[in-house]
Amino acid sequence: MKYGIIGTGWIAESFIEGARLKCGADISAVYSRTAEKGNAFASKNGIPRVFTDMESFLASDIEAVYIASPNVCHFPQSKMCLEAGKHVICEKPVTVTSAQYAECKAIADSKGLVYIEAIMYMHTPGREILRESLNSIGRISSAQFDFSQLSSKYPAYLRGENPNIFNPEMATGAFMDLGIYCVYPAIDLFGMPSKITADSVFLDSGADASGSALLNYSDKLVTLTYSKTGQDYSGSKILGDEGTICIESISKLVLGLKFDSEGAQTVILPDVPKAELMGFEAEDFERFIRNIRDDKYALCDETTRKVLSVMEKIRECSGIRFGKDDNDA
């Protein structure tokens, strides 16, 4: 299958490496707004064709598109690709709003196309290992999922620059970039909460620098924390009355330990190279294209809808806004 790539950042390079590793993917073309960036990216990653015009890109013989552009572009670019008859795997967050996702998914369904979010959590084998491990730690009363990573762009922001990741006009910030990795396991493992409260700390740019959310369930509390202006080293935890699970990286779902009631530990989630994790996304994407009725494809769709709904509520509670109106994003 011939892939076209939208975006020239490091995440696109990781996907290309993973897709080639796991699927032998034919990365046929890249779209960039500038020929300079497009040519440099293509040369570095062995891509034969560079496009700076979206219509020409979509009129080519590519069959599927991986989108790794700024968040604000995900919805319009996904829609354009789907309308052009291309399967789409789009980086997280797949869209800013639930309504945008529903519109794109409706187009995909009407054309028999696959449209999924590129989120490592849903596609790594570690997800099933984690779900099975919950059965061995007894009654779960609380969990904390954290992804706090000091941004490499923060020094530039402090110098007075305006990197995309700290520019709310780009529909970004700590929650959309990192917090989403905390929402996914909460919803996948425990379902929809009965109550959500949340708050954020904001930069002068208007972007959220850090935040937290509390998800209430009838029998447990789940806390989500995330930051782009501080680094966490303690990881995430799920506490049961017969054991505890600790996870170093909730985004990659690796380096997980299970402790029994006596404190004895077992490794349940080994480390996995980033490229391989991205490759699992490509593997599922191509499997769904071969069989659009795959049960996991339906599960991914259902989970994405729930996650977007919860994210909208957290943004509402936290006061996170993008531009003059979220629906413009």
Protein backbone atom coordinates (compact mmCIF):
# COMPACT_ATOMS: atom_id res chain seq x y z
CA MET A 1 0.00 0.00 0.00
CA LYS A 2 1.32 3.42 -0.94
CA TYR A 3 1.38 5.97 1.85
CA GLY A 4 1.43 9.72 1.64
CA ILE A 5 2.74 11.64 4.65
CA ILE A 6 1.50 15.05 5.78
CA GLY A 7 3.98 16.68 8.14
CA THR A 8 7.76 16.72 8.41
CA GLY A 9 8.41 16.51 12.15
CA TRP A 10 10.08 13.81 14.25
CA ILE A 11 6.80 12.00 14.91
CA ALA A 12 6.33 11.46 11.17
CA GLU A 13 9.84 10.00 10.99
CA SER A 14 8.97 7.58 13.82
CA PHE A 15 5.82 6.46 12.04
CA ILE A 16 7.69 5.91 8.78
CA GLU A 17 10.32 3.82 10.55
CA GLY A 18 7.67 1.78 12.35
CA ALA A 19 5.46 1.26 9.30
CA ARG A 20 8.41 0.06 7.28
CA LEU A 21 9.58 -2.17 10.12
CA LYS A 22 6.24 -3.86 10.82
CA CYS A 23 4.47 -3.67 7.45
CA GLY A 24 7.10 -3.04 4.82
CA ALA A 25 5.15 0.12 4.01
CA ASP A 26 5.74 1.93 0.73
CA ILE A 27 6.17 5.57 1.76
CA SER A 28 5.52 7.08 -1.63
CA ALA A 29 5.09 10.81 -1.07
CA VAL A 30 5.24 13.65 1.43
CA TYR A 31 3.27 16.88 1.52
CA SER A 32 4.83 20.00 3.03
CA ARG A 33 3.90 23.65 2.82
CA THR A 34 7.45 24.46 1.71
CA ALA A 35 9.61 22.69 -0.85
CA GLU A 36 12.69 23.23 1.32
CA LYS A 37 11.29 21.30 4.29
CA GLY A 38 9.65 18.72 2.07
CA ASN A 39 12.81 17.99 0.11
CA ALA A 40 14.96 17.78 3.24
CA PHE A 41 12.48 15.37 4.85
CA ALA A 42 12.15 13.26 1.70
CA SER A 43 15.92 13.01 1.27
CA LYS A 44 16.43 12.00 4.90
CA ASN A 45 13.67 9.38 4.84
CA GLY A 46 14.01 7.95 1.34
CA ILE A 47 10.72 9.30 -0.03
CA PRO A 48 10.62 9.66 -3.83
CA ARG A 49 8.04 12.45 -4.27
CA VAL A 50 7.46 15.83 -2.62
CA PHE A 51 4.27 17.87 -2.98
CA THR A 52 3.58 21.43 -1.89
CA ASP A 53 0.09 21.47 -3.38
CA MET A 54 -2.54 19.45 -1.51
CA GLU A 55 -4.74 18.85 -4.54
CA SER A 56 -1.86 17.37 -6.51
CA PHE A 57 -0.83 15.29 -3.50
CA LEU A 58 -4.33 13.82 -3.19
CA ALA A 59 -4.67 13.31 -6.96
CA SER A 60 -1.60 11.04 -6.93
CA ASP A 61 -1.68 7.25 -6.62
CA ILE A 62 -1.28 7.16 -2.82
CA GLU A 63 -3.84 4.93 -1.13
CA ALA A 64 -3.50 6.00 2.50
CA VAL A 65 -2.40 9.14 4.34
CA TYR A 66 -0.68 9.55 7.68
CA ILE A 67 -1.34 13.03 9.09
CA ALA A 68 1.19 14.54 11.50
CA SER A 69 0.50 18.24 11.05
CA PRO A 70 -0.40 20.72 13.85
CA ASN A 71 -3.62 19.85 15.69
CA VAL A 72 -5.54 22.71 14.12
CA CYS A 73 -5.01 21.11 10.69
CA HIS A 74 -6.18 17.60 11.58
CA PHE A 75 -9.87 18.10 10.86
CA PRO A 76 -9.67 19.94 7.52
CA GLN A 77 -6.86 17.73 6.23
CA SER A 78 -8.58 14.51 7.34
CA LYS A 79 -11.75 15.64 5.62
CA MET A 80 -9.92 16.49 2.39
CA CYS A 81 -8.09 13.16 2.33
CA LEU A 82 -11.23 11.14 2.99
CA GLU A 83 -13.22 13.04 0.37
CA ALA A 84 -10.42 12.22 -2.07
CA GLY A 85 -10.88 8.51 -1.33
CA LYS A 86 -7.81 7.94 0.86
CA HIS A 87 -7.67 5.90 4.05
CA VAL A 88 -6.49 8.09 6.94
CA ILE A 89 -4.52 7.52 10.13
CA CYS A 90 -4.21 10.84 11.94
CA GLU A 91 -2.02 11.76 14.89
CA LYS A 92 -3.64 12.44 18.23
CA PRO A 93 -5.84 14.27 18.87
CA VAL A 94 -7.53 13.05 15.71
CA THR A 95 -9.78 16.14 15.81
CA VAL A 96 -10.39 18.91 18.32
CA THR A 97 -14.10 18.21 18.78
CA SER A 98 -16.45 15.23 18.77
CA ALA A 99 -18.51 16.85 16.01
CA GLN A 100 -15.46 17.10 13.75
CA TYR A 101 -14.61 13.45 14.31
CA ALA A 102 -18.20 12.36 13.64
CA GLU A 103 -18.22 14.31 10.36
CA CYS A 104 -15.00 12.71 9.16
CA LYS A 105 -16.04 9.23 10.25
CA ALA A 106 -19.34 9.61 8.38
CA ILE A 107 -17.43 10.45 5.19
CA ALA A 108 -15.12 7.47 5.73
CA ASP A 109 -18.06 5.11 6.29
CA SER A 110 -19.88 6.36 3.20
CA LYS A 111 -16.84 5.61 1.06
CA GLY A 112 -15.76 2.36 2.73
CA LEU A 113 -12.57 3.96 4.05
CA VAL A 114 -10.68 3.46 7.31
CA TYR A 115 -10.24 6.49 9.57
CA ILE A 116 -8.41 6.07 12.88
CA GLU A 117 -6.45 8.01 15.45
CA ALA A 118 -2.73 7.26 15.73
CA ILE A 119 -2.61 6.68 19.49
CA MET A 120 -0.03 4.18 20.73
CA TYR A 121 -2.11 3.03 23.72
CA MET A 122 -4.83 1.40 21.63
CA HIS A 123 -2.49 -0.55 19.39
CA THR A 124 0.35 -1.79 21.57
CA PRO A 125 0.17 -5.40 22.87
CA GLY A 126 0.82 -3.87 26.30
CA ARG A 127 -2.83 -2.76 26.41
CA GLU A 128 -4.12 -6.34 26.68
CA ILE A 129 -1.39 -7.23 29.19
CA LEU A 130 -2.45 -4.30 31.37
CA ARG A 131 -6.14 -5.15 31.12
CA GLU A 132 -5.49 -8.76 32.12
CA SER A 133 -3.22 -7.69 34.99
CA LEU A 134 -6.04 -5.68 36.59
CA ASN A 135 -7.74 -8.96 37.48
CA SER A 136 -4.89 -9.87 39.83
CA ILE A 137 -4.78 -6.75 42.04
CA GLY A 138 -8.21 -7.08 43.63
CA ARG A 139 -10.73 -4.30 44.10
CA ILE A 140 -9.39 -1.10 42.54
CA SER A 141 -10.11 2.02 44.55
CA SER A 142 -7.92 4.60 42.85
CA ALA A 143 -5.62 5.24 39.92
CA GLN A 144 -3.35 8.07 38.84
CA PHE A 145 -2.26 8.51 35.25
CA ASP A 146 0.46 11.09 34.70
CA PHE A 147 2.28 12.37 31.65
CA SER A 148 4.41 15.36 32.62
CA GLN A 149 7.30 16.05 30.29
CA LEU A 150 9.30 19.26 30.21
CA SER A 151 8.94 20.54 26.67
CA SER A 152 12.04 21.03 24.55
CA LYS A 153 10.25 24.12 23.22
CA TYR A 154 9.82 25.71 26.66
CA PRO A 155 13.18 27.57 26.62
CA ALA A 156 12.17 29.14 23.29
CA TYR A 157 8.87 30.24 24.83
CA LEU A 158 10.70 31.80 27.78
CA ARG A 159 12.89 33.71 25.30
CA GLY A 160 9.76 35.34 23.93
CA GLU A 161 9.18 33.08 20.95
CA ASN A 162 5.81 31.46 20.24
CA PRO A 163 6.29 27.75 19.44
CA ASN A 164 3.23 25.97 18.04
CA ILE A 165 2.91 23.79 21.13
CA PHE A 166 2.35 26.86 23.32
CA ASN A 167 0.10 28.67 20.86
CA PRO A 168 -3.63 28.09 21.50
CA GLU A 169 -4.37 29.12 17.91
CA MET A 170 -2.81 25.75 16.98
CA ALA A 171 -5.24 23.89 19.31
CA THR A 172 -2.35 22.73 21.46
CA GLY A 173 -1.10 22.85 25.04
CA ALA A 174 -0.36 20.35 27.77
CA PHE A 175 -3.76 18.69 27.77
CA MET A 176 -4.10 18.11 24.03
CA ASP A 177 -0.48 17.05 23.65
CA LEU A 178 0.04 14.94 26.79
CA GLY A 179 -3.19 14.74 28.76
CA ILE A 180 -4.87 12.69 26.04
CA TYR A 181 -2.50 9.81 26.88
CA CYS A 182 -3.97 9.80 30.40
CA VAL A 183 -7.59 9.96 29.25
CA TYR A 184 -7.29 6.90 27.02
CA PRO A 185 -6.39 4.32 29.72
CA ALA A 186 -8.93 5.80 32.12
CA ILE A 187 -11.77 5.35 29.65
CA ASP A 188 -10.55 2.06 28.22
CA LEU A 189 -9.98 0.42 31.61
CA PHE A 190 -12.80 1.89 33.67
CA GLY A 191 -15.42 3.25 31.28
CA MET A 192 -17.17 6.60 31.34
CA PRO A 193 -17.06 8.48 34.67
CA SER A 194 -20.15 9.73 36.45
CA LYS A 195 -18.55 13.11 37.23
CA ILE A 196 -15.60 15.11 35.94
CA THR A 197 -13.80 18.04 37.57
CA ALA A 198 -10.66 19.67 36.22
CA ASP A 199 -8.44 22.74 36.32
CA SER A 200 -5.39 24.09 34.51
CA VAL A 201 -2.47 26.48 34.89
CA PHE A 202 -2.04 28.80 31.92
CA LEU A 203 0.87 30.59 30.28
CA ASP A 204 0.63 34.21 29.14
CA SER A 205 0.12 32.90 25.61
CA GLY A 206 -3.18 31.41 26.71
CA ALA A 207 -2.00 27.82 26.37
CA ASP A 208 -2.37 25.46 29.31
CA ALA A 209 1.03 24.64 30.82
CA SER A 210 -0.22 21.94 33.18
CA GLY A 211 -3.42 20.58 34.57
CA SER A 212 -5.29 17.87 36.40
CA ALA A 213 -8.65 16.17 36.18
CA LEU A 214 -10.57 13.99 38.61
CA LEU A 215 -12.84 11.28 37.19
CA ASN A 216 -15.41 9.97 39.65
CA TYR A 217 -16.74 6.41 39.44
CA SER A 218 -19.10 4.66 41.82
CA ASP A 219 -16.26 2.66 43.35
CA LYS A 220 -13.07 4.56 42.51
CA LEU A 221 -11.40 7.88 41.78
CA VAL A 222 -9.07 8.32 38.81
CA THR A 223 -6.72 11.30 38.76
CA LEU A 224 -5.12 12.59 35.58
CA THR A 225 -2.13 14.95 35.70
CA TYR A 226 -0.11 16.41 32.85
CA SER A 227 2.45 19.16 32.30
CA LYS A 228 4.73 20.57 29.63
CA THR A 229 6.62 22.82 32.06
CA GLY A 230 7.82 20.15 34.49
CA GLN A 231 9.23 16.62 34.38
CA ASP A 232 7.72 13.69 36.27
CA TYR A 233 9.76 10.63 37.22
CA SER A 234 7.30 8.68 39.37
CA GLY A 235 5.00 7.44 36.60
CA SER A 236 1.42 6.19 36.82
CA LYS A 237 -0.26 3.87 39.35
CA ILE A 238 -3.33 1.68 39.72
CA LEU A 239 -4.09 0.66 43.32
CA GLY A 240 -6.07 -2.44 44.30
CA ASP A 241 -6.57 -4.11 47.68
CA GLU A 242 -4.50 -7.11 46.55
CA GLY A 243 -1.76 -5.34 44.63
CA THR A 244 -0.52 -2.29 42.75
CA ILE A 245 0.52 -1.66 39.16
CA CYS A 246 3.13 1.01 38.42
CA ILE A 247 3.83 2.19 34.86
CA GLU A 248 6.82 4.33 34.00
CA SER A 249 5.46 5.54 30.65
CA ILE A 250 1.70 5.74 30.22
CA SER A 251 2.07 7.12 26.68
CA LYS A 252 4.11 4.16 25.41
CA LEU A 253 2.68 1.70 27.97
CA VAL A 254 6.11 0.29 28.80
CA LEU A 255 8.21 -0.44 31.90
CA GLY A 256 5.32 -1.63 34.05
CA LEU A 257 5.62 -3.45 37.39
CA LYS A 258 2.99 -5.33 39.38
CA PHE A 259 3.38 -5.52 43.16
CA ASP A 260 1.44 -8.10 45.16
CA SER A 261 0.11 -7.50 48.69
CA GLU A 262 3.50 -8.49 50.12
CA GLY A 263 5.42 -6.09 47.92
CA ALA A 264 6.91 -8.72 45.61
CA GLN A 265 7.23 -7.34 42.09
CA THR A 266 6.76 -8.78 38.63
CA VAL A 267 7.61 -7.08 35.34
CA ILE A 268 4.44 -6.99 33.23
CA LEU A 269 5.32 -4.37 30.61
CA PRO A 270 8.82 -4.57 29.12
CA ASP A 271 10.45 -1.71 27.23
CA VAL A 272 9.67 -1.49 23.51
CA PRO A 273 11.46 0.77 20.96
CA LYS A 274 9.42 3.78 19.85
CA ALA A 275 9.54 2.77 16.18
CA GLU A 276 8.05 -0.63 17.00
CA LEU A 277 5.25 1.02 18.99
CA MET A 278 4.44 3.22 16.00
CA GLY A 279 4.60 0.14 13.82
CA PHE A 280 1.79 -1.48 15.82
CA GLU A 281 -0.42 1.46 14.78
CA ALA A 282 0.42 0.85 11.13
CA GLU A 283 -0.19 -2.89 11.51
CA ASP A 284 -3.70 -2.36 12.86
CA PHE A 285 -4.42 0.34 10.27
CA GLU A 286 -3.54 -1.99 7.40
CA ARG A 287 -5.45 -4.88 8.99
CA PHE A 288 -8.56 -2.70 9.25
CA ILE A 289 -8.20 -1.74 5.57
CA ARG A 290 -8.11 -5.43 4.64
CA ASN A 291 -11.13 -6.10 6.87
CA ILE A 292 -13.15 -3.01 7.72
CA ARG A 293 -15.46 -5.17 9.83
CA ASP A 294 -12.63 -6.04 12.23
CA ASP A 295 -13.99 -5.87 15.79
CA LYS A 296 -11.02 -3.81 16.94
CA TYR A 297 -11.77 -1.16 14.33
CA ALA A 298 -15.21 -0.71 15.88
CA LEU A 299 -13.61 -0.64 19.34
CA CYS A 300 -11.17 2.08 18.28
CA ASP A 301 -14.03 4.16 16.90
CA GLU A 302 -16.12 3.75 20.06
CA THR A 303 -13.17 4.58 22.34
CA THR A 304 -12.18 7.63 20.31
CA ARG A 305 -15.72 9.00 20.55
CA LYS A 306 -15.77 8.52 24.33
CA VAL A 307 -12.31 10.01 24.79
CA LEU A 308 -13.18 13.10 22.74
CA SER A 309 -16.35 13.56 24.78
CA VAL A 310 -14.41 13.40 28.06
CA MET A 311 -11.72 15.71 26.70
CA GLU A 312 -14.32 18.29 25.75
CA LYS A 313 -15.71 18.18 29.29
CA ILE A 314 -12.24 18.54 30.82
CA ARG A 315 -11.49 21.51 28.56
CA GLU A 316 -14.79 23.08 29.55
CA CYS A 317 -14.06 22.64 33.25
CA SER A 318 -10.48 23.87 32.86
CA GLY A 319 -11.23 26.87 30.70
CA ILE A 320 -9.06 25.64 27.83
CA ARG A 321 -9.98 27.48 24.64
CA PHE A 322 -8.54 27.57 21.13
CA GLY A 323 -8.89 30.76 19.11
CA LYS A 324 -12.19 32.60 19.15
CA ASP A 325 -14.21 29.39 18.98
CA ASP A 326 -13.27 25.74 19.42
CA ASN A 327 -15.25 24.80 16.34
CA ASP A 328 -12.99 26.98 14.22
CA ALA A 329 -10.09 24.65 15.02
